[in-house]
Amino acid sequence: MFEKIYYFNKGTKTLHIKGLCKNSIGSDYKTYATEQEAIQDNGRYIHMCVECENEREKIIQNALKKEK
């Protein structure tokens, strides 16, 4: 079982990743283990937080650099 790291703000329809931006955790946010679960539960009308998405890309790029 995966840790629930995706936080969905129903008010703004924004999906955040735990700890990647200042808005990533809210008391009324619904949590999910995967991005796919959030999409299945809320439909395709959600969008990823731009700041969280940028930070996720940085993490992926750094991991790929370490692989080389």
N, C-alpha and C. Protein backbone atom coordinates (compact mmCIF):
# COMPACT_ATOMS: atom_id res chain seq x y z
N MET A 1 0.85 -1.19 0.00
CA MET A 1 0.00 0.00 0.00
C MET A 1 0.88 1.24 0.00
N PHE A 2 0.56 2.17 -0.84
CA PHE A 2 1.30 3.42 -0.94
C PHE A 2 0.84 4.41 0.12
N GLU A 3 1.76 5.27 0.53
CA GLU A 3 1.41 6.37 1.43
C GLU A 3 0.55 7.37 0.64
N LYS A 4 -0.41 7.98 1.29
CA LYS A 4 -1.26 8.95 0.63
C LYS A 4 -0.53 10.29 0.58
N ILE A 5 0.03 10.60 -0.59
CA ILE A 5 0.83 11.82 -0.74
C ILE A 5 0.16 12.86 -1.63
N TYR A 6 -0.95 12.51 -2.25
CA TYR A 6 -1.67 13.46 -3.11
C TYR A 6 -2.83 14.05 -2.31
N TYR A 7 -2.92 15.37 -2.34
CA TYR A 7 -3.95 16.08 -1.59
C TYR A 7 -4.80 16.88 -2.55
N PHE A 8 -6.11 16.63 -2.55
CA PHE A 8 -7.02 17.26 -3.48
C PHE A 8 -7.87 18.33 -2.79
N ASN A 9 -7.78 19.55 -3.30
CA ASN A 9 -8.58 20.67 -2.80
C ASN A 9 -9.83 20.74 -3.66
N LYS A 10 -10.97 20.33 -3.10
CA LYS A 10 -12.22 20.32 -3.87
C LYS A 10 -12.66 21.72 -4.29
N GLY A 11 -12.36 22.72 -3.47
CA GLY A 11 -12.77 24.09 -3.78
C GLY A 11 -12.13 24.63 -5.04
N THR A 12 -10.85 24.34 -5.21
CA THR A 12 -10.13 24.84 -6.39
C THR A 12 -9.91 23.76 -7.45
N LYS A 13 -10.30 22.54 -7.14
CA LYS A 13 -10.10 21.38 -8.04
C LYS A 13 -8.62 21.16 -8.35
N THR A 14 -7.77 21.45 -7.35
CA THR A 14 -6.32 21.36 -7.54
C THR A 14 -5.76 20.18 -6.78
N LEU A 15 -4.90 19.43 -7.45
CA LEU A 15 -4.22 18.29 -6.83
C LEU A 15 -2.80 18.71 -6.46
N HIS A 16 -2.48 18.53 -5.19
CA HIS A 16 -1.15 18.88 -4.67
C HIS A 16 -0.40 17.61 -4.29
N ILE A 17 0.92 17.73 -4.16
CA ILE A 17 1.75 16.63 -3.68
C ILE A 17 2.32 17.06 -2.33
N LYS A 18 2.15 16.20 -1.35
CA LYS A 18 2.55 16.49 0.03
C LYS A 18 3.96 17.09 0.11
N GLY A 19 4.03 18.28 0.70
CA GLY A 19 5.32 18.90 0.98
C GLY A 19 5.99 19.64 -0.16
N LEU A 20 5.38 19.68 -1.35
CA LEU A 20 6.05 20.32 -2.47
C LEU A 20 5.66 21.78 -2.66
N CYS A 21 4.63 22.24 -1.98
CA CYS A 21 4.28 23.66 -2.01
C CYS A 21 3.60 24.03 -0.70
N LYS A 22 3.45 25.33 -0.46
CA LYS A 22 2.88 25.79 0.80
C LYS A 22 1.40 25.44 0.93
N ASN A 23 0.73 25.13 -0.16
CA ASN A 23 -0.69 24.79 -0.14
C ASN A 23 -0.95 23.29 -0.19
N SER A 24 0.11 22.50 -0.03
CA SER A 24 -0.04 21.07 -0.28
C SER A 24 -0.82 20.31 0.79
N ILE A 25 -1.01 20.88 1.96
CA ILE A 25 -1.76 20.16 2.99
C ILE A 25 -2.83 21.09 3.56
N GLY A 26 -4.06 20.63 3.51
CA GLY A 26 -5.17 21.38 4.08
C GLY A 26 -6.04 20.44 4.89
N SER A 27 -6.67 20.96 5.91
CA SER A 27 -7.46 20.11 6.80
C SER A 27 -8.67 19.49 6.11
N ASP A 28 -9.17 20.14 5.07
CA ASP A 28 -10.35 19.62 4.38
C ASP A 28 -10.01 18.96 3.04
N TYR A 29 -8.74 18.72 2.77
CA TYR A 29 -8.33 18.09 1.52
C TYR A 29 -8.54 16.59 1.60
N LYS A 30 -8.93 16.00 0.49
CA LYS A 30 -9.05 14.55 0.41
C LYS A 30 -7.71 13.99 -0.04
N THR A 31 -7.28 12.89 0.55
CA THR A 31 -5.96 12.33 0.25
C THR A 31 -6.06 11.07 -0.60
N TYR A 32 -5.01 10.87 -1.40
CA TYR A 32 -4.94 9.72 -2.30
C TYR A 32 -3.52 9.19 -2.34
N ALA A 33 -3.39 7.93 -2.64
CA ALA A 33 -2.07 7.31 -2.76
C ALA A 33 -1.46 7.56 -4.14
N THR A 34 -2.31 7.70 -5.16
CA THR A 34 -1.81 7.92 -6.51
C THR A 34 -2.60 9.03 -7.21
N GLU A 35 -1.98 9.60 -8.20
CA GLU A 35 -2.64 10.61 -9.02
C GLU A 35 -3.84 10.01 -9.74
N GLN A 36 -3.68 8.78 -10.18
CA GLN A 36 -4.76 8.09 -10.90
C GLN A 36 -6.00 7.93 -10.02
N GLU A 37 -5.82 7.60 -8.74
CA GLU A 37 -6.95 7.48 -7.82
C GLU A 37 -7.72 8.80 -7.72
N ALA A 38 -6.99 9.90 -7.64
CA ALA A 38 -7.62 11.22 -7.55
C ALA A 38 -8.44 11.51 -8.79
N ILE A 39 -7.90 11.17 -9.95
CA ILE A 39 -8.62 11.40 -11.21
C ILE A 39 -9.86 10.52 -11.27
N GLN A 40 -9.74 9.25 -10.88
CA GLN A 40 -10.89 8.34 -10.91
C GLN A 40 -12.00 8.81 -9.98
N ASP A 41 -11.64 9.34 -8.83
CA ASP A 41 -12.61 9.76 -7.84
C ASP A 41 -13.26 11.11 -8.18
N ASN A 42 -12.53 11.98 -8.86
CA ASN A 42 -13.01 13.34 -9.09
C ASN A 42 -13.22 13.70 -10.55
N GLY A 43 -12.98 12.79 -11.43
CA GLY A 43 -13.15 13.06 -12.85
C GLY A 43 -11.95 13.80 -13.42
N ARG A 44 -12.01 14.08 -14.67
CA ARG A 44 -10.89 14.72 -15.36
C ARG A 44 -10.90 16.24 -15.25
N TYR A 45 -11.75 16.76 -14.40
CA TYR A 45 -11.86 18.21 -14.25
C TYR A 45 -10.92 18.76 -13.19
N ILE A 46 -9.94 17.97 -12.77
CA ILE A 46 -8.98 18.44 -11.79
C ILE A 46 -7.69 18.85 -12.51
N HIS A 47 -6.88 19.65 -11.85
CA HIS A 47 -5.59 20.02 -12.44
C HIS A 47 -4.52 19.95 -11.36
N MET A 48 -3.32 19.70 -11.80
CA MET A 48 -2.19 19.61 -10.90
C MET A 48 -1.71 21.00 -10.54
N CYS A 49 -1.36 21.21 -9.29
CA CYS A 49 -0.76 22.46 -8.84
C CYS A 49 0.53 22.68 -9.65
N VAL A 50 0.67 23.86 -10.21
CA VAL A 50 1.83 24.17 -11.05
C VAL A 50 3.13 24.07 -10.24
N GLU A 51 3.12 24.60 -9.03
CA GLU A 51 4.32 24.56 -8.20
C GLU A 51 4.70 23.12 -7.84
N CYS A 52 3.72 22.31 -7.47
CA CYS A 52 3.99 20.90 -7.16
C CYS A 52 4.51 20.15 -8.39
N GLU A 53 3.91 20.42 -9.53
CA GLU A 53 4.32 19.77 -10.78
C GLU A 53 5.77 20.13 -11.12
N ASN A 54 6.14 21.39 -10.97
CA ASN A 54 7.51 21.82 -11.25
C ASN A 54 8.50 21.16 -10.29
N GLU A 55 8.15 21.09 -9.02
CA GLU A 55 9.03 20.46 -8.04
C GLU A 55 9.17 18.96 -8.31
N ARG A 56 8.08 18.31 -8.72
CA ARG A 56 8.13 16.88 -9.06
C ARG A 56 9.08 16.65 -10.23
N GLU A 57 9.03 17.53 -11.24
CA GLU A 57 9.92 17.40 -12.39
C GLU A 57 11.38 17.57 -11.98
N LYS A 58 11.65 18.49 -11.08
CA LYS A 58 13.03 18.67 -10.59
C LYS A 58 13.52 17.41 -9.89
N ILE A 59 12.67 16.80 -9.09
CA ILE A 59 13.04 15.57 -8.38
C ILE A 59 13.35 14.46 -9.38
N ILE A 60 12.52 14.33 -10.39
CA ILE A 60 12.73 13.30 -11.42
C ILE A 60 14.03 13.55 -12.17
N GLN A 61 14.27 14.79 -12.58
CA GLN A 61 15.50 15.11 -13.31
C GLN A 61 16.74 14.86 -12.47
N ASN A 62 16.70 15.20 -11.19
CA ASN A 62 17.83 14.93 -10.30
C ASN A 62 18.07 13.44 -10.14
N ALA A 63 17.01 12.66 -10.06
CA ALA A 63 17.14 11.21 -9.95
C ALA A 63 17.77 10.62 -11.22
N LEU A 64 17.39 11.15 -12.37
CA LEU A 64 17.95 10.66 -13.64
C LEU A 64 19.43 11.03 -13.76
N LYS A 65 19.81 12.19 -13.27
CA LYS A 65 21.21 12.58 -13.29
C LYS A 65 22.07 11.67 -12.43
N LYS A 66 21.55 11.27 -11.29
CA LYS A 66 22.27 10.38 -10.38
C LYS A 66 22.44 8.99 -10.96
N GLU A 67 21.50 8.60 -11.84
CA GLU A 67 21.54 7.29 -12.48
C GLU A 67 22.72 7.15 -13.45
N LYS A 68 23.11 8.25 -14.05
CA LYS A 68 24.16 8.22 -15.10
C LYS A 68 25.51 7.99 -14.57
